[in-house]
Amino acid sequence: MKNIFFNNWHFMRYFRIAIALFCFYTAYEENQWVFIPFGVFFLFQAVFNLGCGPRGCNVPTKNREDE
């Protein structure tokens, strides 16, 4: 679990943290509490490294040379 939190930090994780902090700031400053769930969503993605990585959302294709 410790490995998930402290390793493999890349641009997208930092970007998600920035979006989460911006959502929290906006919710507090503008009293628009609807931004809190968005902030929680992006914070959760950044902390647990979920979502698309730095190379995009491509799914690896399996080479069908066996057929």
PDB file of N, CA and C in Angstrom:
ATOM      1  N   MET A   1       0.822  -1.189   0.000  1.00  0.00           N
ATOM      2  CA  MET A   1       0.000   0.000   0.000  1.00  0.00           C
ATOM      3  C   MET A   1       0.869   1.257   0.000  1.00  0.00           C
ATOM      4  N   LYS A   2       1.933   1.219   0.755  1.00  0.00           N
ATOM      5  CA  LYS A   2       2.854   2.355   0.809  1.00  0.00           C
ATOM      6  C   LYS A   2       3.457   2.628  -0.561  1.00  0.00           C
ATOM      7  N   ASN A   3       3.650   1.561  -1.329  1.00  0.00           N
ATOM      8  CA  ASN A   3       4.214   1.670  -2.669  1.00  0.00           C
ATOM      9  C   ASN A   3       3.283   2.464  -3.591  1.00  0.00           C
ATOM     10  N   ILE A   4       1.978   2.305  -3.442  1.00  0.00           N
ATOM     11  CA  ILE A   4       1.015   3.011  -4.283  1.00  0.00           C
ATOM     12  C   ILE A   4       1.082   4.518  -4.034  1.00  0.00           C
ATOM     13  N   PHE A   5       1.246   4.917  -2.776  1.00  0.00           N
ATOM     14  CA  PHE A   5       1.216   6.334  -2.433  1.00  0.00           C
ATOM     15  C   PHE A   5       2.485   7.081  -2.811  1.00  0.00           C
ATOM     16  N   PHE A   6       3.635   6.434  -2.722  1.00  0.00           N
ATOM     17  CA  PHE A   6       4.889   7.165  -2.836  1.00  0.00           C
ATOM     18  C   PHE A   6       5.689   6.899  -4.109  1.00  0.00           C
ATOM     19  N   ASN A   7       5.261   5.973  -4.944  1.00  0.00           N
ATOM     20  CA  ASN A   7       6.013   5.675  -6.170  1.00  0.00           C
ATOM     21  C   ASN A   7       5.189   5.993  -7.404  1.00  0.00           C
ATOM     22  N   ASN A   8       5.886   6.115  -8.525  1.00  0.00           N
ATOM     23  CA  ASN A   8       5.277   6.295  -9.837  1.00  0.00           C
ATOM     24  C   ASN A   8       4.466   7.584  -9.932  1.00  0.00           C
ATOM     25  N   TRP A   9       5.011   8.684  -9.450  1.00  0.00           N
ATOM     26  CA  TRP A   9       4.356   9.976  -9.608  1.00  0.00           C
ATOM     27  C   TRP A   9       4.742  10.558 -10.948  1.00  0.00           C
ATOM     28  N   HIS A  10       3.756  10.940 -11.728  1.00  0.00           N
ATOM     29  CA  HIS A  10       3.972  11.493 -13.056  1.00  0.00           C
ATOM     30  C   HIS A  10       3.071  12.708 -13.222  1.00  0.00           C
ATOM     31  N   PHE A  11       3.131  13.287 -14.397  1.00  0.00           N
ATOM     32  CA  PHE A  11       2.417  14.538 -14.651  1.00  0.00           C
ATOM     33  C   PHE A  11       0.920  14.435 -14.361  1.00  0.00           C
ATOM     34  N   MET A  12       0.281  13.357 -14.784  1.00  0.00           N
ATOM     35  CA  MET A  12      -1.161  13.242 -14.612  1.00  0.00           C
ATOM     36  C   MET A  12      -1.568  13.198 -13.133  1.00  0.00           C
ATOM     37  N   ARG A  13      -0.753  12.574 -12.308  1.00  0.00           N
ATOM     38  CA  ARG A  13      -1.084  12.549 -10.877  1.00  0.00           C
ATOM     39  C   ARG A  13      -0.980  13.949 -10.276  1.00  0.00           C
ATOM     40  N   TYR A  14       0.077  14.674 -10.648  1.00  0.00           N
ATOM     41  CA  TYR A  14       0.206  16.051 -10.161  1.00  0.00           C
ATOM     42  C   TYR A  14      -0.924  16.929 -10.699  1.00  0.00           C
ATOM     43  N   PHE A  15      -1.313  16.710 -11.937  1.00  0.00           N
ATOM     44  CA  PHE A  15      -2.388  17.484 -12.544  1.00  0.00           C
ATOM     45  C   PHE A  15      -3.712  17.224 -11.834  1.00  0.00           C
ATOM     46  N   ARG A  16      -3.978  15.977 -11.484  1.00  0.00           N
ATOM     47  CA  ARG A  16      -5.204  15.650 -10.761  1.00  0.00           C
ATOM     48  C   ARG A  16      -5.217  16.276  -9.371  1.00  0.00           C
ATOM     49  N   ILE A  17      -4.067  16.295  -8.717  1.00  0.00           N
ATOM     50  CA  ILE A  17      -3.976  16.966  -7.402  1.00  0.00           C
ATOM     51  C   ILE A  17      -4.283  18.456  -7.562  1.00  0.00           C
ATOM     52  N   ALA A  18      -3.747  19.064  -8.617  1.00  0.00           N
ATOM     53  CA  ALA A  18      -3.986  20.488  -8.857  1.00  0.00           C
ATOM     54  C   ALA A  18      -5.468  20.747  -9.113  1.00  0.00           C
ATOM     55  N   ILE A  19      -6.121  19.898  -9.892  1.00  0.00           N
ATOM     56  CA  ILE A  19      -7.551  20.070 -10.151  1.00  0.00           C
ATOM     57  C   ILE A  19      -8.347  19.909  -8.857  1.00  0.00           C
ATOM     58  N   ALA A  20      -7.981  18.927  -8.046  1.00  0.00           N
ATOM     59  CA  ALA A  20      -8.684  18.717  -6.773  1.00  0.00           C
ATOM     60  C   ALA A  20      -8.534  19.934  -5.865  1.00  0.00           C
ATOM     61  N   LEU A  21      -7.329  20.448  -5.756  1.00  0.00           N
ATOM     62  CA  LEU A  21      -7.119  21.625  -4.907  1.00  0.00           C
ATOM     63  C   LEU A  21      -7.875  22.837  -5.436  1.00  0.00           C
ATOM     64  N   PHE A  22      -7.910  22.984  -6.755  1.00  0.00           N
ATOM     65  CA  PHE A  22      -8.671  24.076  -7.353  1.00  0.00           C
ATOM     66  C   PHE A  22     -10.159  23.937  -7.053  1.00  0.00           C
ATOM     67  N   CYS A  23     -10.683  22.723  -7.137  1.00  0.00           N
ATOM     68  CA  CYS A  23     -12.103  22.498  -6.828  1.00  0.00           C
ATOM     69  C   CYS A  23     -12.406  22.813  -5.370  1.00  0.00           C
ATOM     70  N   PHE A  24     -11.528  22.383  -4.461  1.00  0.00           N
ATOM     71  CA  PHE A  24     -11.732  22.687  -3.042  1.00  0.00           C
ATOM     72  C   PHE A  24     -11.664  24.192  -2.780  1.00  0.00           C
ATOM     73  N   TYR A  25     -10.702  24.852  -3.410  1.00  0.00           N
ATOM     74  CA  TYR A  25     -10.562  26.299  -3.243  1.00  0.00           C
ATOM     75  C   TYR A  25     -11.796  27.028  -3.765  1.00  0.00           C
ATOM     76  N   THR A  26     -12.262  26.627  -4.936  1.00  0.00           N
ATOM     77  CA  THR A  26     -13.440  27.261  -5.525  1.00  0.00           C
ATOM     78  C   THR A  26     -14.670  27.029  -4.659  1.00  0.00           C
ATOM     79  N   ALA A  27     -14.810  25.826  -4.151  1.00  0.00           N
ATOM     80  CA  ALA A  27     -15.954  25.532  -3.294  1.00  0.00           C
ATOM     81  C   ALA A  27     -15.938  26.403  -2.045  1.00  0.00           C
ATOM     82  N   TYR A  28     -14.776  26.603  -1.473  1.00  0.00           N
ATOM     83  CA  TYR A  28     -14.673  27.398  -0.251  1.00  0.00           C
ATOM     84  C   TYR A  28     -14.860  28.895  -0.522  1.00  0.00           C
ATOM     85  N   GLU A  29     -14.148  29.405  -1.512  1.00  0.00           N
ATOM     86  CA  GLU A  29     -14.167  30.844  -1.777  1.00  0.00           C
ATOM     87  C   GLU A  29     -15.494  31.332  -2.341  1.00  0.00           C
ATOM     88  N   GLU A  30     -16.090  30.571  -3.238  1.00  0.00           N
ATOM     89  CA  GLU A  30     -17.304  31.008  -3.912  1.00  0.00           C
ATOM     90  C   GLU A  30     -18.576  30.430  -3.291  1.00  0.00           C
ATOM     91  N   ASN A  31     -18.420  29.655  -2.219  1.00  0.00           N
ATOM     92  CA  ASN A  31     -19.549  28.980  -1.580  1.00  0.00           C
ATOM     93  C   ASN A  31     -20.357  28.140  -2.565  1.00  0.00           C
ATOM     94  N   GLN A  32     -19.654  27.523  -3.490  1.00  0.00           N
ATOM     95  CA  GLN A  32     -20.269  26.618  -4.455  1.00  0.00           C
ATOM     96  C   GLN A  32     -19.905  25.197  -4.041  1.00  0.00           C
ATOM     97  N   TRP A  33     -20.678  24.637  -3.125  1.00  0.00           N
ATOM     98  CA  TRP A  33     -20.322  23.363  -2.514  1.00  0.00           C
ATOM     99  C   TRP A  33     -20.477  22.183  -3.459  1.00  0.00           C
ATOM    100  N   VAL A  34     -20.998  22.426  -4.633  1.00  0.00           N
ATOM    101  CA  VAL A  34     -21.135  21.357  -5.621  1.00  0.00           C
ATOM    102  C   VAL A  34     -19.763  20.926  -6.148  1.00  0.00           C
ATOM    103  N   PHE A  35     -18.736  21.739  -5.951  1.00  0.00           N
ATOM    104  CA  PHE A  35     -17.388  21.395  -6.414  1.00  0.00           C
ATOM    105  C   PHE A  35     -16.674  20.403  -5.492  1.00  0.00           C
ATOM    106  N   ILE A  36     -17.170  20.212  -4.281  1.00  0.00           N
ATOM    107  CA  ILE A  36     -16.531  19.290  -3.333  1.00  0.00           C
ATOM    108  C   ILE A  36     -16.482  17.856  -3.871  1.00  0.00           C
ATOM    109  N   PRO A  37     -17.577  17.293  -4.416  1.00  0.00           N
ATOM    110  CA  PRO A  37     -17.480  15.924  -4.941  1.00  0.00           C
ATOM    111  C   PRO A  37     -16.478  15.794  -6.090  1.00  0.00           C
ATOM    112  N   PHE A  38     -16.377  16.824  -6.926  1.00  0.00           N
ATOM    113  CA  PHE A  38     -15.397  16.782  -8.004  1.00  0.00           C
ATOM    114  C   PHE A  38     -13.974  16.785  -7.443  1.00  0.00           C
ATOM    115  N   GLY A  39     -13.759  17.593  -6.420  1.00  0.00           N
ATOM    116  CA  GLY A  39     -12.453  17.619  -5.775  1.00  0.00           C
ATOM    117  C   GLY A  39     -12.104  16.290  -5.136  1.00  0.00           C
ATOM    118  N   VAL A  40     -13.069  15.678  -4.484  1.00  0.00           N
ATOM    119  CA  VAL A  40     -12.842  14.370  -3.862  1.00  0.00           C
ATOM    120  C   VAL A  40     -12.537  13.323  -4.928  1.00  0.00           C
ATOM    121  N   PHE A  41     -13.263  13.377  -6.038  1.00  0.00           N
ATOM    122  CA  PHE A  41     -13.045  12.435  -7.135  1.00  0.00           C
ATOM    123  C   PHE A  41     -11.620  12.534  -7.670  1.00  0.00           C
ATOM    124  N   PHE A  42     -11.162  13.748  -7.979  1.00  0.00           N
ATOM    125  CA  PHE A  42      -9.814  13.916  -8.520  1.00  0.00           C
ATOM    126  C   PHE A  42      -8.738  13.613  -7.486  1.00  0.00           C
ATOM    127  N   LEU A  43      -8.993  13.936  -6.236  1.00  0.00           N
ATOM    128  CA  LEU A  43      -8.034  13.611  -5.183  1.00  0.00           C
ATOM    129  C   LEU A  43      -7.900  12.103  -5.026  1.00  0.00           C
ATOM    130  N   PHE A  44      -9.012  11.388  -5.054  1.00  0.00           N
ATOM    131  CA  PHE A  44      -9.006   9.929  -4.963  1.00  0.00           C
ATOM    132  C   PHE A  44      -8.225   9.319  -6.132  1.00  0.00           C
ATOM    133  N   GLN A  45      -8.441   9.842  -7.343  1.00  0.00           N
ATOM    134  CA  GLN A  45      -7.712   9.347  -8.506  1.00  0.00           C
ATOM    135  C   GLN A  45      -6.219   9.592  -8.366  1.00  0.00           C
ATOM    136  N   ALA A  46      -5.837  10.745  -7.881  1.00  0.00           N
ATOM    137  CA  ALA A  46      -4.416  11.075  -7.769  1.00  0.00           C
ATOM    138  C   ALA A  46      -3.729  10.244  -6.697  1.00  0.00           C
ATOM    139  N   VAL A  47      -4.356  10.089  -5.553  1.00  0.00           N
ATOM    140  CA  VAL A  47      -3.723   9.383  -4.446  1.00  0.00           C
ATOM    141  C   VAL A  47      -3.562   7.899  -4.755  1.00  0.00           C
ATOM    142  N   PHE A  48      -4.581   7.291  -5.347  1.00  0.00           N
ATOM    143  CA  PHE A  48      -4.534   5.861  -5.609  1.00  0.00           C
ATOM    144  C   PHE A  48      -4.072   5.517  -7.027  1.00  0.00           C
ATOM    145  N   ASN A  49      -3.674   6.526  -7.805  1.00  0.00           N
ATOM    146  CA  ASN A  49      -3.152   6.345  -9.156  1.00  0.00           C
ATOM    147  C   ASN A  49      -4.137   5.580 -10.038  1.00  0.00           C
ATOM    148  N   LEU A  50      -5.375   6.023 -10.030  1.00  0.00           N
ATOM    149  CA  LEU A  50      -6.405   5.434 -10.864  1.00  0.00           C
ATOM    150  C   LEU A  50      -6.655   6.324 -12.071  1.00  0.00           C
ATOM    151  N   GLY A  51      -7.255   5.768 -13.084  1.00  0.00           N
ATOM    152  CA  GLY A  51      -7.559   6.543 -14.276  1.00  0.00           C
ATOM    153  C   GLY A  51      -6.471   6.367 -15.317  1.00  0.00           C
ATOM    154  N   CYS A  52      -6.496   7.214 -16.307  1.00  0.00           N
ATOM    155  CA  CYS A  52      -5.539   7.117 -17.409  1.00  0.00           C
ATOM    156  C   CYS A  52      -4.149   7.552 -16.954  1.00  0.00           C
ATOM    157  N   GLY A  53      -3.152   6.890 -17.455  1.00  0.00           N
ATOM    158  CA  GLY A  53      -1.776   7.194 -17.101  1.00  0.00           C
ATOM    159  C   GLY A  53      -1.173   8.254 -17.994  1.00  0.00           C
ATOM    160  N   PRO A  54       0.130   8.436 -17.916  1.00  0.00           N
ATOM    161  CA  PRO A  54       0.780   9.477 -18.708  1.00  0.00           C
ATOM    162  C   PRO A  54       0.784   9.170 -20.205  1.00  0.00           C
ATOM    163  N   ARG A  55       0.568   7.905 -20.589  1.00  0.00           N
ATOM    164  CA  ARG A  55       0.553   7.545 -22.009  1.00  0.00           C
ATOM    165  C   ARG A  55      -0.853   7.453 -22.567  1.00  0.00           C
ATOM    166  N   GLY A  56      -1.835   7.891 -21.837  1.00  0.00           N
ATOM    167  CA  GLY A  56      -3.210   7.877 -22.308  1.00  0.00           C
ATOM    168  C   GLY A  56      -3.965   6.666 -21.819  1.00  0.00           C
ATOM    169  N   CYS A  57      -5.122   6.450 -22.397  1.00  0.00           N
ATOM    170  CA  CYS A  57      -6.023   5.377 -21.956  1.00  0.00           C
ATOM    171  C   CYS A  57      -6.013   4.190 -22.915  1.00  0.00           C
ATOM    172  N   ASN A  58      -4.941   3.974 -23.602  1.00  0.00           N
ATOM    173  CA  ASN A  58      -4.889   2.882 -24.558  1.00  0.00           C
ATOM    174  C   ASN A  58      -4.926   1.539 -23.844  1.00  0.00           C
ATOM    175  N   VAL A  59      -5.674   0.621 -24.423  1.00  0.00           N
ATOM    176  CA  VAL A  59      -5.719  -0.742 -23.935  1.00  0.00           C
ATOM    177  C   VAL A  59      -4.734  -1.542 -24.781  1.00  0.00           C
ATOM    178  N   PRO A  60      -3.819  -2.280 -24.152  1.00  0.00           N
ATOM    179  CA  PRO A  60      -2.851  -3.029 -24.952  1.00  0.00           C
ATOM    180  C   PRO A  60      -3.561  -4.073 -25.806  1.00  0.00           C
ATOM    181  N   THR A  61      -3.169  -4.125 -27.061  1.00  0.00           N
ATOM    182  CA  THR A  61      -3.782  -5.099 -27.973  1.00  0.00           C
ATOM    183  C   THR A  61      -2.962  -6.370 -27.959  1.00  0.00           C
ATOM    184  N   LYS A  62      -3.667  -7.473 -28.065  1.00  0.00           N
ATOM    185  CA  LYS A  62      -3.021  -8.767 -28.077  1.00  0.00           C
ATOM    186  C   LYS A  62      -2.702  -9.137 -29.524  1.00  0.00           C
ATOM    187  N   ASN A  63      -1.488  -9.531 -29.761  1.00  0.00           N
ATOM    188  CA  ASN A  63      -1.073  -9.902 -31.102  1.00  0.00           C
ATOM    189  C   ASN A  63      -1.592 -11.299 -31.412  1.00  0.00           C
ATOM    190  N   ARG A  64      -2.324 -11.476 -32.478  1.00  0.00           N
ATOM    191  CA  ARG A  64      -2.964 -12.757 -32.803  1.00  0.00           C
ATOM    192  C   ARG A  64      -2.159 -13.515 -33.852  1.00  0.00           C
ATOM    193  N   GLU A  65      -0.948 -13.812 -33.551  1.00  0.00           N
ATOM    194  CA  GLU A  65      -0.127 -14.589 -34.483  1.00  0.00           C
ATOM    195  C   GLU A  65      -0.403 -16.081 -34.374  1.00  0.00           C
ATOM    196  N   ASP A  66      -1.086 -16.502 -33.304  1.00  0.00           N
ATOM    197  CA  ASP A  66      -1.360 -17.924 -33.096  1.00  0.00           C
ATOM    198  C   ASP A  66      -2.393 -18.456 -34.070  1.00  0.00           C
ATOM    199  N   GLU A  67      -3.282 -17.611 -34.554  1.00  0.00           N
ATOM    200  CA  GLU A  67      -4.368 -18.068 -35.408  1.00  0.00           C
ATOM    201  C   GLU A  67      -3.961 -18.182 -36.852  1.00  0.00           C
TER     202      GLU A  67
END
